[in-house]
C-alpha atoms as a PDB file:
ATOM      1  CA  UNK A   1       1.383 245.648 -27.125  1.00  0.00           C
ATOM      2  CA  UNK A   2      -1.716 244.950 -29.297  1.00  0.00           C
ATOM      3  CA  UNK A   3      -1.827 242.910 -32.550  1.00  0.00           C
ATOM      4  CA  UNK A   4      -1.629 246.082 -34.638  1.00  0.00           C
ATOM      5  CA  UNK A   5       1.822 246.884 -33.306  1.00  0.00           C
ATOM      6  CA  UNK A   6       2.872 243.193 -33.513  1.00  0.00           C
ATOM      7  CA  UNK A   7       1.814 243.112 -37.137  1.00  0.00           C
ATOM      8  CA  UNK A   8       3.836 246.347 -37.905  1.00  0.00           C
ATOM      9  CA  UNK A   9       6.874 244.811 -36.114  1.00  0.00           C
ATOM     10  CA  UNK A  10       6.307 241.481 -37.894  1.00  0.00           C
ATOM     11  CA  UNK A  11       6.251 243.168 -41.352  1.00  0.00           C
ATOM     12  CA  UNK A  12       9.502 244.968 -40.510  1.00  0.00           C
ATOM     13  CA  UNK A  13      10.961 241.595 -39.447  1.00  0.00           C
ATOM     14  CA  UNK A  14      10.238 240.075 -42.832  1.00  0.00           C
ATOM     15  CA  UNK A  15      13.219 241.991 -44.327  1.00  0.00           C
ATOM     16  CA  UNK A  16      15.391 241.455 -41.219  1.00  0.00           C
ATOM     17  CA  UNK A  17      14.674 237.678 -41.308  1.00  0.00           C
ATOM     18  CA  UNK A  18      16.574 237.304 -44.508  1.00  0.00           C
ATOM     19  CA  UNK A  19      19.157 240.165 -44.388  1.00  0.00           C
ATOM     20  CA  UNK A  20      21.930 238.048 -43.059  1.00  0.00           C
ATOM     21  CA  UNK A  21      21.677 235.464 -45.700  1.00  0.00           C
ATOM     22  CA  UNK A  22      21.331 238.209 -48.431  1.00  0.00           C
ATOM     23  CA  UNK A  23      24.492 240.020 -47.225  1.00  0.00           C
ATOM     24  CA  UNK A  24      26.422 236.693 -47.132  1.00  0.00           C
ATOM     25  CA  UNK A  25      25.321 235.909 -50.658  1.00  0.00           C
ATOM     26  CA  UNK A  26      26.442 239.338 -51.924  1.00  0.00           C
ATOM     27  CA  UNK A  27      29.773 238.868 -50.223  1.00  0.00           C
ATOM     28  CA  UNK A  28      30.290 235.442 -51.836  1.00  0.00           C
ATOM     29  CA  UNK A  29      29.315 236.778 -55.193  1.00  0.00           C
ATOM     30  CA  UNK A  30      31.853 239.643 -54.836  1.00  0.00           C
ATOM     31  CA  UNK A  31      34.583 237.266 -53.804  1.00  0.00           C
ATOM     32  CA  UNK A  32      33.897 235.079 -56.894  1.00  0.00           C
ATOM     33  CA  UNK A  33      33.875 238.151 -59.186  1.00  0.00           C
ATOM     34  CA  UNK A  34      37.165 239.322 -57.782  1.00  0.00           C
ATOM     35  CA  UNK A  35      38.813 235.904 -58.345  1.00  0.00           C
ATOM     36  CA  UNK A  36      37.553 235.864 -61.958  1.00  0.00           C
ATOM     37  CA  UNK A  37      38.856 239.469 -62.420  1.00  0.00           C
ATOM     38  CA  UNK A  38      42.420 238.348 -61.588  1.00  0.00           C
ATOM     39  CA  UNK A  39      42.375 235.519 -64.236  1.00  0.00           C
ATOM     40  CA  UNK A  40      43.578 236.255 -67.760  1.00  0.00           C
ATOM     41  CA  UNK A  41      41.386 233.356 -69.048  1.00  0.00           C
ATOM     42  CA  UNK A  42      38.347 235.356 -68.336  1.00  0.00           C
ATOM     43  CA  UNK A  43      39.076 237.678 -71.215  1.00  0.00           C
ATOM     44  CA  UNK A  44      37.932 236.728 -74.745  1.00  0.00           C
ATOM     45  CA  UNK A  45      40.626 235.387 -77.046  1.00  0.00           C
ATOM     46  CA  UNK A  46      41.986 237.652 -79.833  1.00  0.00           C
ATOM     47  CA  UNK A  47      39.762 237.587 -82.854  1.00  0.00           C
ATOM     48  CA  UNK A  48      36.810 235.945 -81.036  1.00  0.00           C
ATOM     49  CA  UNK A  49      33.355 237.499 -80.557  1.00  0.00           C
ATOM     50  CA  UNK A  50      31.985 237.735 -77.033  1.00  0.00           C
ATOM     51  CA  UNK A  51      28.227 236.899 -77.046  1.00  0.00           C
ATOM     52  CA  UNK A  52      25.964 239.435 -75.475  1.00  0.00           C
ATOM     53  CA  UNK A  53      22.672 238.537 -73.726  1.00  0.00           C
ATOM     54  CA  UNK A  54      19.669 238.858 -75.941  1.00  0.00           C
ATOM     55  CA  UNK A  55      16.515 240.714 -75.149  1.00  0.00           C
ATOM     56  CA  UNK A  56      14.788 237.622 -73.713  1.00  0.00           C
ATOM     57  CA  UNK A  57      17.798 237.051 -71.317  1.00  0.00           C
ATOM     58  CA  UNK A  58      17.822 240.671 -70.290  1.00  0.00           C
ATOM     59  CA  UNK A  59      14.058 240.627 -69.622  1.00  0.00           C
ATOM     60  CA  UNK A  60      14.402 237.452 -67.619  1.00  0.00           C
ATOM     61  CA  UNK A  61      17.121 238.897 -65.430  1.00  0.00           C
ATOM     62  CA  UNK A  62      15.095 242.010 -64.790  1.00  0.00           C
ATOM     63  CA  UNK A  63      12.108 240.133 -63.510  1.00  0.00           C
ATOM     64  CA  UNK A  64      11.376 240.405 -59.848  1.00  0.00           C
ATOM     65  CA  UNK A  65      11.934 237.312 -57.654  1.00  0.00           C
ATOM     66  CA  UNK A  66       9.115 234.803 -57.442  1.00  0.00           C
ATOM     67  CA  UNK A  67       6.754 235.392 -54.481  1.00  0.00           C
ATOM     68  CA  UNK A  68       7.403 233.534 -51.201  1.00  0.00           C
ATOM     69  CA  UNK A  69      11.162 233.067 -51.784  1.00  0.00           C
ATOM     70  CA  UNK A  70      13.923 234.396 -49.545  1.00  0.00           C
ATOM     71  CA  UNK A  71      14.780 237.045 -52.226  1.00  0.00           C
ATOM     72  CA  UNK A  72      11.175 238.177 -52.486  1.00  0.00           C
ATOM     73  CA  UNK A  73      10.831 238.476 -48.697  1.00  0.00           C
ATOM     74  CA  UNK A  74      13.936 240.843 -48.565  1.00  0.00           C
ATOM     75  CA  UNK A  75      12.085 243.403 -50.852  1.00  0.00           C
ATOM     76  CA  UNK A  76       9.762 245.501 -48.802  1.00  0.00           C
ATOM     77  CA  UNK A  77       8.235 247.122 -51.906  1.00  0.00           C
ATOM     78  CA  UNK A  78       7.209 243.784 -53.395  1.00  0.00           C
ATOM     79  CA  UNK A  79       5.793 242.722 -49.956  1.00  0.00           C
ATOM     80  CA  UNK A  80       3.619 245.804 -49.587  1.00  0.00           C
ATOM     81  CA  UNK A  81       2.381 245.488 -53.231  1.00  0.00           C
ATOM     82  CA  UNK A  82       1.431 241.842 -52.679  1.00  0.00           C
ATOM     83  CA  UNK A  83      -0.311 242.658 -49.317  1.00  0.00           C
ATOM     84  CA  UNK A  84      -2.549 245.086 -51.269  1.00  0.00           C
ATOM     85  CA  UNK A  85      -3.277 242.534 -53.996  1.00  0.00           C
ATOM     86  CA  UNK A  86      -4.111 239.847 -51.510  1.00  0.00           C
ATOM     87  CA  UNK A  87      -6.293 242.044 -49.429  1.00  0.00           C
ATOM     88  CA  UNK A  88      -8.353 242.843 -52.579  1.00  0.00           C
ATOM     89  CA  UNK A  89      -8.686 239.214 -53.582  1.00  0.00           C
ATOM     90  CA  UNK A  90      -9.698 237.989 -50.095  1.00  0.00           C
ATOM     91  CA  UNK A  91     -12.224 240.773 -49.438  1.00  0.00           C
ATOM     92  CA  UNK A  92     -13.840 240.304 -52.849  1.00  0.00           C
ATOM     93  CA  UNK A  93     -13.661 236.478 -53.466  1.00  0.00           C
ATOM     94  CA  UNK A  94     -16.650 236.618 -55.953  1.00  0.00           C
ATOM     95  CA  UNK A  95     -18.742 234.350 -53.712  1.00  0.00           C
ATOM     96  CA  UNK A  96     -22.265 234.098 -55.030  1.00  0.00           C
ATOM     97  CA  UNK A  97     -21.357 234.686 -58.742  1.00  0.00           C
ATOM     98  CA  UNK A  98     -22.480 232.172 -61.366  1.00  0.00           C
ATOM     99  CA  UNK A  99     -20.226 229.950 -63.582  1.00  0.00           C
ATOM    100  CA  UNK A 100     -18.188 231.014 -65.549  1.00  0.00           C
ATOM    101  CA  UNK A 101     -16.619 233.805 -63.592  1.00  0.00           C
ATOM    102  CA  UNK A 102     -15.868 237.166 -65.274  1.00  0.00           C
ATOM    103  CA  UNK A 103     -12.122 236.530 -64.683  1.00  0.00           C
ATOM    104  CA  UNK A 104      -9.961 233.496 -64.094  1.00  0.00           C
ATOM    105  CA  UNK A 105      -7.320 233.231 -66.818  1.00  0.00           C
ATOM    106  CA  UNK A 106      -5.261 229.983 -66.622  1.00  0.00           C
ATOM    107  CA  UNK A 107      -7.902 228.064 -64.693  1.00  0.00           C
ATOM    108  CA  UNK A 108      -8.810 224.577 -65.635  1.00  0.00           C
ATOM    109  CA  UNK A 109     -12.433 223.498 -64.854  1.00  0.00           C
ATOM    110  CA  UNK A 110     -13.795 220.036 -64.556  1.00  0.00           C
ATOM    111  CA  UNK A 111     -17.274 218.694 -63.870  1.00  0.00           C
ATOM    112  CA  UNK A 112     -17.465 216.480 -60.789  1.00  0.00           C
ATOM    113  CA  UNK A 113     -19.294 213.311 -61.454  1.00  0.00           C
ATOM    114  CA  UNK A 114     -21.722 211.757 -58.906  1.00  0.00           C
ATOM    115  CA  UNK A 115     -22.765 215.145 -57.373  1.00  0.00           C
ATOM    116  CA  UNK A 116     -25.545 216.008 -59.778  1.00  0.00           C
ATOM    117  CA  UNK A 117     -28.501 215.232 -57.608  1.00  0.00           C
ATOM    118  CA  UNK A 118     -28.603 217.532 -54.559  1.00  0.00           C
ATOM    119  CA  UNK A 119     -30.926 216.588 -51.762  1.00  0.00           C
ATOM    120  CA  UNK A 120     -33.719 218.841 -50.589  1.00  0.00           C
ATOM    121  CA  UNK A 121     -32.187 221.735 -48.623  1.00  0.00           C
ATOM    122  CA  UNK A 122     -28.620 220.789 -49.427  1.00  0.00           C
ATOM    123  CA  UNK A 123     -26.126 221.822 -52.101  1.00  0.00           C
ATOM    124  CA  UNK A 124     -24.088 219.700 -54.394  1.00  0.00           C
ATOM    125  CA  UNK A 125     -20.705 220.688 -55.966  1.00  0.00           C
ATOM    126  CA  UNK A 126     -20.672 219.943 -59.680  1.00  0.00           C
ATOM    127  CA  UNK A 127     -17.783 222.130 -61.072  1.00  0.00           C
ATOM    128  CA  UNK A 128     -14.237 222.778 -59.682  1.00  0.00           C
ATOM    129  CA  UNK A 129     -11.841 225.214 -61.330  1.00  0.00           C
ATOM    130  CA  UNK A 130      -8.145 225.290 -60.330  1.00  0.00           C
ATOM    131  CA  UNK A 131      -5.644 227.925 -61.377  1.00  0.00           C
ATOM    132  CA  UNK A 132      -2.752 230.298 -60.293  1.00  0.00           C
ATOM    133  CA  UNK A 133      -3.399 233.267 -58.067  1.00  0.00           C
ATOM    134  CA  UNK A 134      -1.448 235.226 -55.493  1.00  0.00           C
ATOM    135  CA  UNK A 135       1.698 233.280 -56.098  1.00  0.00           C
ATOM    136  CA  UNK A 136       0.024 230.019 -55.200  1.00  0.00           C
ATOM    137  CA  UNK A 137      -3.143 228.085 -56.251  1.00  0.00           C
ATOM    138  CA  UNK A 138      -6.784 228.825 -56.089  1.00  0.00           C
ATOM    139  CA  UNK A 139      -9.668 226.411 -56.094  1.00  0.00           C
ATOM    140  CA  UNK A 140     -13.232 227.605 -57.073  1.00  0.00           C
ATOM    141  CA  UNK A 141     -16.039 225.202 -56.315  1.00  0.00           C
ATOM    142  CA  UNK A 142     -19.506 225.800 -57.782  1.00  0.00           C
ATOM    143  CA  UNK A 143     -22.650 224.360 -56.246  1.00  0.00           C
ATOM    144  CA  UNK A 144     -26.345 223.821 -57.282  1.00  0.00           C
ATOM    145  CA  UNK A 145     -29.413 223.198 -55.202  1.00  0.00           C
ATOM    146  CA  UNK A 146     -32.527 221.237 -55.903  1.00  0.00           C
ATOM    147  CA  UNK A 147     -34.478 224.517 -56.454  1.00  0.00           C
ATOM    148  CA  UNK A 148     -31.704 226.281 -58.465  1.00  0.00           C
ATOM    149  CA  UNK A 149     -29.667 224.421 -61.049  1.00  0.00           C
ATOM    150  CA  UNK A 150     -27.375 227.456 -61.790  1.00  0.00           C
ATOM    151  CA  UNK A 151     -23.749 226.617 -60.766  1.00  0.00           C
ATOM    152  CA  UNK A 152     -22.814 229.287 -58.127  1.00  0.00           C
ATOM    153  CA  UNK A 153     -19.503 229.945 -56.547  1.00  0.00           C
ATOM    154  CA  UNK A 154     -19.843 228.910 -52.842  1.00  0.00           C
ATOM    155  CA  UNK A 155     -16.365 227.803 -51.845  1.00  0.00           C
ATOM    156  CA  UNK A 156     -12.945 229.300 -52.555  1.00  0.00           C
ATOM    157  CA  UNK A 157      -9.622 228.081 -51.270  1.00  0.00           C
ATOM    158  CA  UNK A 158      -6.152 229.570 -51.736  1.00  0.00           C
ATOM    159  CA  UNK A 159      -2.826 227.897 -50.795  1.00  0.00           C
ATOM    160  CA  UNK A 160       0.602 229.384 -50.951  1.00  0.00           C
ATOM    161  CA  UNK A 161       3.940 227.692 -49.982  1.00  0.00           C
ATOM    162  CA  UNK A 162       7.040 229.449 -48.735  1.00  0.00           C
ATOM    163  CA  UNK A 163      10.173 227.405 -49.080  1.00  0.00           C
ATOM    164  CA  UNK A 164      12.889 229.011 -46.955  1.00  0.00           C
ATOM    165  CA  UNK A 165      16.609 228.374 -46.546  1.00  0.00           C
ATOM    166  CA  UNK A 166      16.783 228.667 -42.838  1.00  0.00           C
ATOM    167  CA  UNK A 167      14.155 228.964 -40.150  1.00  0.00           C
ATOM    168  CA  UNK A 168      12.428 230.979 -38.899  1.00  0.00           C
ATOM    169  CA  UNK A 169      10.316 231.579 -41.994  1.00  0.00           C
ATOM    170  CA  UNK A 170       9.157 235.192 -42.573  1.00  0.00           C
ATOM    171  CA  UNK A 171       5.740 233.926 -43.797  1.00  0.00           C
ATOM    172  CA  UNK A 172       4.274 234.174 -40.316  1.00  0.00           C
ATOM    173  CA  UNK A 173       5.230 237.786 -40.175  1.00  0.00           C
ATOM    174  CA  UNK A 174       3.489 238.316 -43.542  1.00  0.00           C
ATOM    175  CA  UNK A 175       0.421 236.391 -42.178  1.00  0.00           C
ATOM    176  CA  UNK A 176       0.136 238.828 -39.247  1.00  0.00           C
ATOM    177  CA  UNK A 177       0.493 241.830 -41.539  1.00  0.00           C
ATOM    178  CA  UNK A 178      -2.153 240.493 -43.974  1.00  0.00           C
ATOM    179  CA  UNK A 179      -4.531 239.871 -41.025  1.00  0.00           C
ATOM    180  CA  UNK A 180      -4.018 243.434 -39.972  1.00  0.00           C
ATOM    181  CA  UNK A 181      -4.731 244.648 -43.544  1.00  0.00           C
ATOM    182  CA  UNK A 182      -7.888 242.497 -43.850  1.00  0.00           C
ATOM    183  CA  UNK A 183      -9.044 243.749 -40.415  1.00  0.00           C
ATOM    184  CA  UNK A 184      -9.122 247.316 -41.812  1.00  0.00           C
ATOM    185  CA  UNK A 185     -11.717 246.190 -44.450  1.00  0.00           C
ATOM    186  CA  UNK A 186     -13.612 243.307 -42.876  1.00  0.00           C
ATOM    187  CA  UNK A 187     -13.323 244.210 -39.216  1.00  0.00           C
ATOM    188  CA  UNK A 188     -11.661 242.524 -36.354  1.00  0.00           C
ATOM    189  CA  UNK A 189     -11.385 238.657 -36.736  1.00  0.00           C
ATOM    190  CA  UNK A 190     -11.981 235.882 -34.299  1.00  0.00           C
ATOM    191  CA  UNK A 191      -8.646 234.456 -33.245  1.00  0.00           C
ATOM    192  CA  UNK A 192      -9.615 230.785 -32.733  1.00  0.00           C
ATOM    193  CA  UNK A 193      -6.183 229.437 -31.775  1.00  0.00           C
ATOM    194  CA  UNK A 194      -4.023 230.623 -28.834  1.00  0.00           C
ATOM    195  CA  UNK A 195      -0.914 231.068 -31.028  1.00  0.00           C
ATOM    196  CA  UNK A 196      -2.909 233.441 -33.412  1.00  0.00           C
ATOM    197  CA  UNK A 197      -2.270 230.953 -36.272  1.00  0.00           C
ATOM    198  CA  UNK A 198      -5.971 231.112 -37.416  1.00  0.00           C
ATOM    199  CA  UNK A 199      -8.193 234.095 -37.888  1.00  0.00           C
ATOM    200  CA  UNK A 200     -11.792 234.084 -39.037  1.00  0.00           C
ATOM    201  CA  UNK A 201     -13.970 236.934 -40.485  1.00  0.00           C
ATOM    202  CA  UNK A 202     -17.777 236.395 -40.489  1.00  0.00           C
ATOM    203  CA  UNK A 203     -19.716 238.510 -42.987  1.00  0.00           C
ATOM    204  CA  UNK A 204     -23.362 238.539 -44.026  1.00  0.00           C
ATOM    205  CA  UNK A 205     -22.834 236.514 -47.180  1.00  0.00           C
ATOM    206  CA  UNK A 206     -19.679 234.507 -46.474  1.00  0.00           C
ATOM    207  CA  UNK A 207     -17.051 233.624 -43.968  1.00  0.00           C
ATOM    208  CA  UNK A 208     -13.277 233.780 -44.486  1.00  0.00           C
ATOM    209  CA  UNK A 209     -10.657 231.828 -42.513  1.00  0.00           C
ATOM    210  CA  UNK A 210      -6.936 232.262 -42.829  1.00  0.00           C
ATOM    211  CA  UNK A 211      -4.594 229.650 -41.347  1.00  0.00           C
ATOM    212  CA  UNK A 212      -0.754 229.756 -40.966  1.00  0.00           C
ATOM    213  CA  UNK A 213       0.952 226.362 -41.026  1.00  0.00           C
ATOM    214  CA  UNK A 214       4.507 226.320 -39.793  1.00  0.00           C
ATOM    215  CA  UNK A 215       6.632 223.412 -40.808  1.00  0.00           C
ATOM    216  CA  UNK A 216      10.129 222.854 -39.216  1.00  0.00           C
ATOM    217  CA  UNK A 217      11.104 220.849 -42.257  1.00  0.00           C
ATOM    218  CA  UNK A 218      11.420 224.021 -44.326  1.00  0.00           C
ATOM    219  CA  UNK A 219       8.104 224.556 -46.077  1.00  0.00           C
ATOM    220  CA  UNK A 220       5.571 226.864 -44.465  1.00  0.00           C
ATOM    221  CA  UNK A 221       2.105 227.435 -45.934  1.00  0.00           C
ATOM    222  CA  UNK A 222      -0.728 229.977 -45.790  1.00  0.00           C
ATOM    223  CA  UNK A 223      -4.267 228.740 -46.424  1.00  0.00           C
ATOM    224  CA  UNK A 224      -7.310 230.882 -46.956  1.00  0.00           C
ATOM    225  CA  UNK A 225     -10.930 229.646 -47.349  1.00  0.00           C
ATOM    226  CA  UNK A 226     -14.134 231.605 -48.127  1.00  0.00           C
ATOM    227  CA  UNK A 227     -17.459 229.755 -47.746  1.00  0.00           C
ATOM    228  CA  UNK A 228     -20.883 231.184 -48.505  1.00  0.00           C
ATOM    229  CA  UNK A 229     -23.538 231.318 -45.785  1.00  0.00           C
ATOM    230  CA  UNK A 230     -25.840 229.014 -47.824  1.00  0.00           C
ATOM    231  CA  UNK A 231     -23.131 226.409 -48.151  1.00  0.00           C
ATOM    232  CA  UNK A 232     -22.346 226.610 -44.382  1.00  0.00           C
ATOM    233  CA  UNK A 233     -26.054 226.166 -43.685  1.00  0.00           C
ATOM    234  CA  UNK A 234     -26.219 223.191 -46.080  1.00  0.00           C
ATOM    235  CA  UNK A 235     -23.248 221.500 -44.443  1.00  0.00           C
ATOM    236  CA  UNK A 236     -24.790 222.068 -41.029  1.00  0.00           C
ATOM    237  CA  UNK A 237     -28.087 220.378 -42.153  1.00  0.00           C
ATOM    238  CA  UNK A 238     -26.004 217.469 -43.555  1.00  0.00           C
ATOM    239  CA  UNK A 239     -24.348 216.955 -40.175  1.00  0.00           C
ATOM    240  CA  UNK A 240     -27.630 217.271 -38.212  1.00  0.00           C
ATOM    241  CA  UNK A 241     -29.318 213.899 -37.618  1.00  0.00           C
END
């Protein structure tokens, strides 16, 4: 069975991984409602006015569950929608664009002191912007060279955390499905770990690596990094004696 079939099975398993807990929760909620229904004290007293939820409360209750939660993993529609969004962000990370980026609401940027004098042939990071994206955090790092003082995006990092109630976490299944989706756009990756927990796509302008980190303590994470070719070459020169 190839990775395409494994990814499809894994995506299906995202829903199955949390179905037992979801059914138990529904059952417990039903039992609580039944007990309240038998109690006369649950009815409003004569002459009193029962308050109704306002529009803000109704809107809050209608919101979908936050990404990477057990409730979110149980909704296949939300998962497929997020797969599409993440595929778009990872295949177009805006590597090579100058500061400021055309989009990035909610990001906070700071100038990094001490990195203003790049050596010949090397790059120096002078600006870092951090903000929310894909249900996690995104770091944009802008570099300059001795020959070009324009801050350019050369390094992007995403990190998402999935806090689950009981293992195994469905994040690994999502990771495999995302790798399959990215492969349809960027080609087949290099699987650099025997457990398939790391995949790398090498393009002409940048390299993207995705890593799955499993944690038995209850918090799994998914890390994605895109690095420009010029930054990779600069780092290589810095390591070469």
